């Protein structure tokens, strides 16, 4: 089954499923900025975005999300200059 690309991070992430979503940080275009998302506390899971046109594309495989623990965790986005 094809994985849908969502237009933002969903409110609920299910462990064991592939998650693919885009984010648009208008002040930080992917041509010159790199974006990462972090899930968790002490040793957070992190995912670096790839470029999808003018959007940052995040993809977390089902294998990686299988290690997610149940419950609420903080999610943080960072962008940094790619140069």
PDB file of N, CA and C in Angstrom:
ATOM      1  N   UNK A   1       0.845  -1.179   0.000  1.00  0.00           N
ATOM      2  CA  UNK A   1       0.000   0.000   0.000  1.00  0.00           C
ATOM      3  C   UNK A   1       0.894   1.247   0.000  1.00  0.00           C
ATOM      4  N   UNK A   2       0.529   2.211  -0.791  1.00  0.00           N
ATOM      5  CA  UNK A   2       1.292   3.457  -0.887  1.00  0.00           C
ATOM      6  C   UNK A   2       1.145   4.275   0.392  1.00  0.00           C
ATOM      7  N   UNK A   3       2.207   4.953   0.767  1.00  0.00           N
ATOM      8  CA  UNK A   3       2.202   5.796   1.959  1.00  0.00           C
ATOM      9  C   UNK A   3       1.812   7.199   1.542  1.00  0.00           C
ATOM     10  N   UNK A   4       0.815   7.750   2.199  1.00  0.00           N
ATOM     11  CA  UNK A   4       0.354   9.103   1.906  1.00  0.00           C
ATOM     12  C   UNK A   4       1.351  10.117   2.471  1.00  0.00           C
ATOM     13  N   UNK A   5       1.621  11.164   1.699  1.00  0.00           N
ATOM     14  CA  UNK A   5       2.457  12.258   2.188  1.00  0.00           C
ATOM     15  C   UNK A   5       1.536  13.319   2.776  1.00  0.00           C
ATOM     16  N   UNK A   6       1.639  13.517   4.075  1.00  0.00           N
ATOM     17  CA  UNK A   6       0.805  14.488   4.779  1.00  0.00           C
ATOM     18  C   UNK A   6       1.401  15.883   4.640  1.00  0.00           C
ATOM     19  N   UNK A   7       0.575  16.906   4.812  1.00  0.00           N
ATOM     20  CA  UNK A   7       1.041  18.286   4.647  1.00  0.00           C
ATOM     21  C   UNK A   7       1.571  18.903   5.938  1.00  0.00           C
ATOM     22  N   UNK A   8       1.601  18.128   7.007  1.00  0.00           N
ATOM     23  CA  UNK A   8       2.207  18.562   8.265  1.00  0.00           C
ATOM     24  C   UNK A   8       2.310  17.355   9.189  1.00  0.00           C
ATOM     25  N   UNK A   9       3.024  17.521  10.272  1.00  0.00           N
ATOM     26  CA  UNK A   9       3.149  16.458  11.260  1.00  0.00           C
ATOM     27  C   UNK A   9       1.780  16.192  11.878  1.00  0.00           C
ATOM     28  N   UNK A  10       1.307  14.951  11.866  1.00  0.00           N
ATOM     29  CA  UNK A  10       0.000  14.674  12.463  1.00  0.00           C
ATOM     30  C   UNK A  10       0.055  14.752  13.989  1.00  0.00           C
ATOM     31  N   UNK A  11      -1.106  14.924  14.606  1.00  0.00           N
ATOM     32  CA  UNK A  11      -1.186  15.005  16.066  1.00  0.00           C
ATOM     33  C   UNK A  11      -0.840  13.671  16.717  1.00  0.00           C
ATOM     34  N   UNK A  12      -1.106  12.570  16.014  1.00  0.00           N
ATOM     35  CA  UNK A  12      -0.826  11.234  16.546  1.00  0.00           C
ATOM     36  C   UNK A  12       0.062  10.496  15.563  1.00  0.00           C
ATOM     37  N   UNK A  13       1.126   9.898  16.095  1.00  0.00           N
ATOM     38  CA  UNK A  13       2.036   9.087  15.297  1.00  0.00           C
ATOM     39  C   UNK A  13       1.948   7.661  15.827  1.00  0.00           C
ATOM     40  N   UNK A  14       1.644   6.720  14.949  1.00  0.00           N
ATOM     41  CA  UNK A  14       1.506   5.332  15.374  1.00  0.00           C
ATOM     42  C   UNK A  14       2.807   4.577  15.155  1.00  0.00           C
ATOM     43  N   UNK A  15       3.292   3.951  16.213  1.00  0.00           N
ATOM     44  CA  UNK A  15       4.521   3.160  16.128  1.00  0.00           C
ATOM     45  C   UNK A  15       4.315   2.011  15.143  1.00  0.00           C
ATOM     46  N   UNK A  16       5.353   1.742  14.371  1.00  0.00           N
ATOM     47  CA  UNK A  16       5.300   0.631  13.430  1.00  0.00           C
ATOM     48  C   UNK A  16       4.759   0.991  12.057  1.00  0.00           C
ATOM     49  N   UNK A  17       4.371   2.241  11.861  1.00  0.00           N
ATOM     50  CA  UNK A  17       3.884   2.694  10.556  1.00  0.00           C
ATOM     51  C   UNK A  17       4.883   3.674   9.949  1.00  0.00           C
ATOM     52  N   UNK A  18       4.938   3.693   8.625  1.00  0.00           N
ATOM     53  CA  UNK A  18       5.757   4.690   7.942  1.00  0.00           C
ATOM     54  C   UNK A  18       5.056   6.032   8.027  1.00  0.00           C
ATOM     55  N   UNK A  19       5.817   7.059   8.320  1.00  0.00           N
ATOM     56  CA  UNK A  19       5.282   8.416   8.416  1.00  0.00           C
ATOM     57  C   UNK A  19       6.020   9.280   7.409  1.00  0.00           C
ATOM     58  N   UNK A  20       5.276   9.946   6.545  1.00  0.00           N
ATOM     59  CA  UNK A  20       5.853  10.853   5.552  1.00  0.00           C
ATOM     60  C   UNK A  20       5.032  12.142   5.587  1.00  0.00           C
ATOM     61  N   UNK A  21       5.729  13.266   5.817  1.00  0.00           N
ATOM     62  CA  UNK A  21       5.024  14.541   5.849  1.00  0.00           C
ATOM     63  C   UNK A  21       5.953  15.658   5.398  1.00  0.00           C
ATOM     64  N   UNK A  22       5.343  16.746   4.947  1.00  0.00           N
ATOM     65  CA  UNK A  22       6.111  17.913   4.523  1.00  0.00           C
ATOM     66  C   UNK A  22       5.858  19.059   5.492  1.00  0.00           C
ATOM     67  N   UNK A  23       6.820  19.947   5.535  1.00  0.00           N
ATOM     68  CA  UNK A  23       6.685  21.192   6.302  1.00  0.00           C
ATOM     69  C   UNK A  23       7.206  22.322   5.428  1.00  0.00           C
ATOM     70  N   UNK A  24       6.539  23.458   5.532  1.00  0.00           N
ATOM     71  CA  UNK A  24       6.962  24.647   4.802  1.00  0.00           C
ATOM     72  C   UNK A  24       7.368  25.696   5.815  1.00  0.00           C
ATOM     73  N   UNK A  25       8.647  25.939   5.902  1.00  0.00           N
ATOM     74  CA  UNK A  25       9.158  27.007   6.757  1.00  0.00           C
ATOM     75  C   UNK A  25       9.522  28.149   5.814  1.00  0.00           C
ATOM     76  N   UNK A  26       8.583  29.072   5.614  1.00  0.00           N
ATOM     77  CA  UNK A  26       8.720  30.076   4.557  1.00  0.00           C
ATOM     78  C   UNK A  26      10.003  30.901   4.661  1.00  0.00           C
ATOM     79  N   UNK A  27      10.484  31.132   5.852  1.00  0.00           N
ATOM     80  CA  UNK A  27      11.724  31.901   6.012  1.00  0.00           C
ATOM     81  C   UNK A  27      12.978  31.049   5.835  1.00  0.00           C
ATOM     82  N   UNK A  28      12.778  29.727   5.685  1.00  0.00           N
ATOM     83  CA  UNK A  28      13.902  28.797   5.612  1.00  0.00           C
ATOM     84  C   UNK A  28      13.700  27.801   4.470  1.00  0.00           C
ATOM     85  N   UNK A  29      13.849  28.242   3.215  1.00  0.00           N
ATOM     86  CA  UNK A  29      13.609  27.350   2.074  1.00  0.00           C
ATOM     87  C   UNK A  29      14.638  26.214   2.027  1.00  0.00           C
ATOM     88  N   UNK A  30      14.218  25.033   1.583  1.00  0.00           N
ATOM     89  CA  UNK A  30      15.115  23.879   1.581  1.00  0.00           C
ATOM     90  C   UNK A  30      16.307  24.007   0.634  1.00  0.00           C
ATOM     91  N   UNK A  31      16.267  24.954  -0.278  1.00  0.00           N
ATOM     92  CA  UNK A  31      17.405  25.140  -1.175  1.00  0.00           C
ATOM     93  C   UNK A  31      18.646  25.598  -0.413  1.00  0.00           C
ATOM     94  N   UNK A  32      18.451  26.317   0.698  1.00  0.00           N
ATOM     95  CA  UNK A  32      19.588  26.842   1.455  1.00  0.00           C
ATOM     96  C   UNK A  32      19.567  26.464   2.930  1.00  0.00           C
ATOM     97  N   UNK A  33      18.509  25.806   3.384  1.00  0.00           N
ATOM     98  CA  UNK A  33      18.388  25.424   4.788  1.00  0.00           C
ATOM     99  C   UNK A  33      18.099  23.936   4.899  1.00  0.00           C
ATOM    100  N   UNK A  34      18.620  23.309   5.946  1.00  0.00           N
ATOM    101  CA  UNK A  34      18.339  21.911   6.245  1.00  0.00           C
ATOM    102  C   UNK A  34      17.458  21.866   7.483  1.00  0.00           C
ATOM    103  N   UNK A  35      16.473  20.977   7.475  1.00  0.00           N
ATOM    104  CA  UNK A  35      15.551  20.851   8.615  1.00  0.00           C
ATOM    105  C   UNK A  35      15.665  19.461   9.230  1.00  0.00           C
ATOM    106  N   UNK A  36      15.519  19.426  10.540  1.00  0.00           N
ATOM    107  CA  UNK A  36      15.475  18.165  11.294  1.00  0.00           C
ATOM    108  C   UNK A  36      14.299  18.225  12.252  1.00  0.00           C
ATOM    109  N   UNK A  37      13.750  17.046  12.545  1.00  0.00           N
ATOM    110  CA  UNK A  37      12.728  16.931  13.571  1.00  0.00           C
ATOM    111  C   UNK A  37      13.234  15.939  14.617  1.00  0.00           C
ATOM    112  N   UNK A  38      12.981  16.260  15.880  1.00  0.00           N
ATOM    113  CA  UNK A  38      13.389  15.418  17.003  1.00  0.00           C
ATOM    114  C   UNK A  38      12.150  15.004  17.789  1.00  0.00           C
ATOM    115  N   UNK A  39      12.047  13.714  18.095  1.00  0.00           N
ATOM    116  CA  UNK A  39      10.954  13.180  18.899  1.00  0.00           C
ATOM    117  C   UNK A  39      11.544  12.639  20.195  1.00  0.00           C
ATOM    118  N   UNK A  40      11.079  13.101  21.347  1.00  0.00           N
ATOM    119  CA  UNK A  40      11.490  12.484  22.594  1.00  0.00           C
ATOM    120  C   UNK A  40      12.246  13.378  23.542  1.00  0.00           C
ATOM    121  N   UNK A  41      12.766  12.735  24.596  1.00  0.00           N
ATOM    122  CA  UNK A  41      13.399  13.441  25.708  1.00  0.00           C
ATOM    123  C   UNK A  41      14.916  13.283  25.693  1.00  0.00           C
ATOM    124  N   UNK A  42      15.445  12.366  26.489  1.00  0.00           N
ATOM    125  CA  UNK A  42      16.880  12.237  26.729  1.00  0.00           C
ATOM    126  C   UNK A  42      17.691  11.944  25.466  1.00  0.00           C
ATOM    127  N   UNK A  43      17.334  10.921  24.756  1.00  0.00           N
ATOM    128  CA  UNK A  43      18.016  10.576  23.497  1.00  0.00           C
ATOM    129  C   UNK A  43      16.951  10.515  22.407  1.00  0.00           C
ATOM    130  N   UNK A  44      16.567  11.665  21.897  1.00  0.00           N
ATOM    131  CA  UNK A  44      15.452  11.706  20.952  1.00  0.00           C
ATOM    132  C   UNK A  44      15.780  11.050  19.612  1.00  0.00           C
ATOM    133  N   UNK A  45      14.730  10.516  18.995  1.00  0.00           N
ATOM    134  CA  UNK A  45      14.846  10.042  17.626  1.00  0.00           C
ATOM    135  C   UNK A  45      14.893  11.281  16.737  1.00  0.00           C
ATOM    136  N   UNK A  46      15.758  11.291  15.732  1.00  0.00           N
ATOM    137  CA  UNK A  46      15.834  12.452  14.848  1.00  0.00           C
ATOM    138  C   UNK A  46      15.742  12.023  13.392  1.00  0.00           C
ATOM    139  N   UNK A  47      15.198  12.908  12.589  1.00  0.00           N
ATOM    140  CA  UNK A  47      15.030  12.656  11.163  1.00  0.00           C
ATOM    141  C   UNK A  47      15.360  13.939  10.408  1.00  0.00           C
ATOM    142  N   UNK A  48      16.263  13.833   9.439  1.00  0.00           N
ATOM    143  CA  UNK A  48      16.619  14.987   8.615  1.00  0.00           C
ATOM    144  C   UNK A  48      15.762  14.982   7.356  1.00  0.00           C
ATOM    145  N   UNK A  49      15.256  16.140   7.005  1.00  0.00           N
ATOM    146  CA  UNK A  49      14.390  16.269   5.833  1.00  0.00           C
ATOM    147  C   UNK A  49      15.195  16.233   4.544  1.00  0.00           C
ATOM    148  N   UNK A  50      14.530  15.825   3.495  1.00  0.00           N
ATOM    149  CA  UNK A  50      15.046  15.973   2.148  1.00  0.00           C
ATOM    150  C   UNK A  50      14.240  17.080   1.482  1.00  0.00           C
ATOM    151  N   UNK A  51      14.654  17.476   0.298  1.00  0.00           N
ATOM    152  CA  UNK A  51      13.962  18.547  -0.415  1.00  0.00           C
ATOM    153  C   UNK A  51      12.884  17.972  -1.318  1.00  0.00           C
ATOM    154  N   UNK A  52      11.716  18.592  -1.263  1.00  0.00           N
ATOM    155  CA  UNK A  52      10.615  18.234  -2.155  1.00  0.00           C
ATOM    156  C   UNK A  52      10.081  19.538  -2.744  1.00  0.00           C
ATOM    157  N   UNK A  53      10.728  20.000  -3.796  1.00  0.00           N
ATOM    158  CA  UNK A  53      10.353  21.299  -4.374  1.00  0.00           C
ATOM    159  C   UNK A  53      10.700  22.410  -3.403  1.00  0.00           C
ATOM    160  N   UNK A  54       9.672  23.133  -2.940  1.00  0.00           N
ATOM    161  CA  UNK A  54       9.878  24.223  -1.979  1.00  0.00           C
ATOM    162  C   UNK A  54       9.584  23.783  -0.548  1.00  0.00           C
ATOM    163  N   UNK A  55       9.423  22.488  -0.344  1.00  0.00           N
ATOM    164  CA  UNK A  55       9.063  21.959   0.973  1.00  0.00           C
ATOM    165  C   UNK A  55      10.173  21.087   1.542  1.00  0.00           C
ATOM    166  N   UNK A  56      10.161  20.942   2.855  1.00  0.00           N
ATOM    167  CA  UNK A  56      11.025  19.995   3.548  1.00  0.00           C
ATOM    168  C   UNK A  56      10.215  18.704   3.706  1.00  0.00           C
ATOM    169  N   UNK A  57      10.746  17.589   3.255  1.00  0.00           N
ATOM    170  CA  UNK A  57      10.058  16.300   3.306  1.00  0.00           C
ATOM    171  C   UNK A  57      10.713  15.420   4.363  1.00  0.00           C
ATOM    172  N   UNK A  58       9.915  14.986   5.323  1.00  0.00           N
ATOM    173  CA  UNK A  58      10.381  14.100   6.387  1.00  0.00           C
ATOM    174  C   UNK A  58       9.794  12.716   6.148  1.00  0.00           C
ATOM    175  N   UNK A  59      10.623  11.677   6.305  1.00  0.00           N
ATOM    176  CA  UNK A  59      10.126  10.309   6.174  1.00  0.00           C
ATOM    177  C   UNK A  59      10.759   9.440   7.251  1.00  0.00           C
ATOM    178  N   UNK A  60       9.891   8.797   8.010  1.00  0.00           N
ATOM    179  CA  UNK A  60      10.312   7.891   9.076  1.00  0.00           C
ATOM    180  C   UNK A  60       9.778   6.515   8.722  1.00  0.00           C
ATOM    181  N   UNK A  61      10.670   5.566   8.549  1.00  0.00           N
ATOM    182  CA  UNK A  61      10.265   4.224   8.131  1.00  0.00           C
ATOM    183  C   UNK A  61       9.522   3.498   9.248  1.00  0.00           C
ATOM    184  N   UNK A  62       8.786   2.483   8.862  1.00  0.00           N
ATOM    185  CA  UNK A  62       8.067   1.671   9.850  1.00  0.00           C
ATOM    186  C   UNK A  62       9.052   0.995  10.800  1.00  0.00           C
ATOM    187  N   UNK A  63      10.214   0.618  10.290  1.00  0.00           N
ATOM    188  CA  UNK A  63      11.240   0.002  11.128  1.00  0.00           C
ATOM    189  C   UNK A  63      11.699   0.969  12.222  1.00  0.00           C
ATOM    190  N   UNK A  64      11.932   2.230  11.853  1.00  0.00           N
ATOM    191  CA  UNK A  64      12.353   3.227  12.847  1.00  0.00           C
ATOM    192  C   UNK A  64      11.236   3.592  13.812  1.00  0.00           C
ATOM    193  N   UNK A  65      10.021   3.726  13.322  1.00  0.00           N
ATOM    194  CA  UNK A  65       8.927   4.118  14.218  1.00  0.00           C
ATOM    195  C   UNK A  65       8.513   2.983  15.147  1.00  0.00           C
ATOM    196  N   UNK A  66       8.886   1.758  14.820  1.00  0.00           N
ATOM    197  CA  UNK A  66       8.546   0.621  15.685  1.00  0.00           C
ATOM    198  C   UNK A  66       9.165   0.766  17.071  1.00  0.00           C
ATOM    199  N   UNK A  67      10.241   1.538  17.177  1.00  0.00           N
ATOM    200  CA  UNK A  67      10.897   1.724  18.475  1.00  0.00           C
ATOM    201  C   UNK A  67      10.263   2.838  19.305  1.00  0.00           C
ATOM    202  N   UNK A  68       9.288   3.554  18.761  1.00  0.00           N
ATOM    203  CA  UNK A  68       8.638   4.637  19.497  1.00  0.00           C
ATOM    204  C   UNK A  68       7.855   4.054  20.679  1.00  0.00           C
ATOM    205  N   UNK A  69       7.980   4.683  21.822  1.00  0.00           N
ATOM    206  CA  UNK A  69       7.270   4.262  23.026  1.00  0.00           C
ATOM    207  C   UNK A  69       5.915   4.965  23.091  1.00  0.00           C
ATOM    208  N   UNK A  70       4.927   4.318  23.694  1.00  0.00           N
ATOM    209  CA  UNK A  70       3.614   4.963  23.829  1.00  0.00           C
ATOM    210  C   UNK A  70       3.680   6.194  24.735  1.00  0.00           C
ATOM    211  N   UNK A  71       2.815   7.130  24.465  1.00  0.00           N
ATOM    212  CA  UNK A  71       2.715   8.321  25.305  1.00  0.00           C
ATOM    213  C   UNK A  71       3.027   9.584  24.549  1.00  0.00           C
ATOM    214  N   UNK A  72       2.899  10.684  25.253  1.00  0.00           N
ATOM    215  CA  UNK A  72       3.171  12.000  24.669  1.00  0.00           C
ATOM    216  C   UNK A  72       4.657  12.314  24.797  1.00  0.00           C
ATOM    217  N   UNK A  73       5.228  12.806  23.715  1.00  0.00           N
ATOM    218  CA  UNK A  73       6.641  13.206  23.733  1.00  0.00           C
ATOM    219  C   UNK A  73       6.773  14.569  23.058  1.00  0.00           C
ATOM    220  N   UNK A  74       7.776  15.327  23.445  1.00  0.00           N
ATOM    221  CA  UNK A  74       7.984  16.602  22.769  1.00  0.00           C
ATOM    222  C   UNK A  74       8.509  16.384  21.350  1.00  0.00           C
ATOM    223  N   UNK A  75       8.094  17.261  20.475  1.00  0.00           N
ATOM    224  CA  UNK A  75       8.573  17.252  19.094  1.00  0.00           C
ATOM    225  C   UNK A  75       9.170  18.626  18.834  1.00  0.00           C
ATOM    226  N   UNK A  76      10.400  18.644  18.319  1.00  0.00           N
ATOM    227  CA  UNK A  76      11.093  19.901  18.066  1.00  0.00           C
ATOM    228  C   UNK A  76      11.637  19.913  16.650  1.00  0.00           C
ATOM    229  N   UNK A  77      11.416  21.002  15.954  1.00  0.00           N
ATOM    230  CA  UNK A  77      11.994  21.193  14.620  1.00  0.00           C
ATOM    231  C   UNK A  77      13.169  22.153  14.735  1.00  0.00           C
ATOM    232  N   UNK A  78      14.237  21.850  14.007  1.00  0.00           N
ATOM    233  CA  UNK A  78      15.383  22.747  13.889  1.00  0.00           C
ATOM    234  C   UNK A  78      15.671  22.951  12.413  1.00  0.00           C
ATOM    235  N   UNK A  79      16.071  24.154  12.055  1.00  0.00           N
ATOM    236  CA  UNK A  79      16.579  24.415  10.713  1.00  0.00           C
ATOM    237  C   UNK A  79      17.938  25.070  10.858  1.00  0.00           C
ATOM    238  N   UNK A  80      18.826  24.731   9.951  1.00  0.00           N
ATOM    239  CA  UNK A  80      20.160  25.331   9.982  1.00  0.00           C
ATOM    240  C   UNK A  80      20.641  25.552   8.568  1.00  0.00           C
ATOM    241  N   UNK A  81      21.532  26.503   8.427  1.00  0.00           N
ATOM    242  CA  UNK A  81      22.080  26.889   7.143  1.00  0.00           C
ATOM    243  C   UNK A  81      22.860  25.723   6.542  1.00  0.00           C
ATOM    244  N   UNK A  82      22.532  25.356   5.326  1.00  0.00           N
ATOM    245  CA  UNK A  82      23.172  24.213   4.667  1.00  0.00           C
ATOM    246  C   UNK A  82      24.572  24.504   4.187  1.00  0.00           C
ATOM    247  N   UNK A  83      24.944  25.773   4.101  1.00  0.00           N
ATOM    248  CA  UNK A  83      26.280  26.134   3.583  1.00  0.00           C
ATOM    249  C   UNK A  83      27.376  25.819   4.563  1.00  0.00           C
TER     250      UNK A  83
END
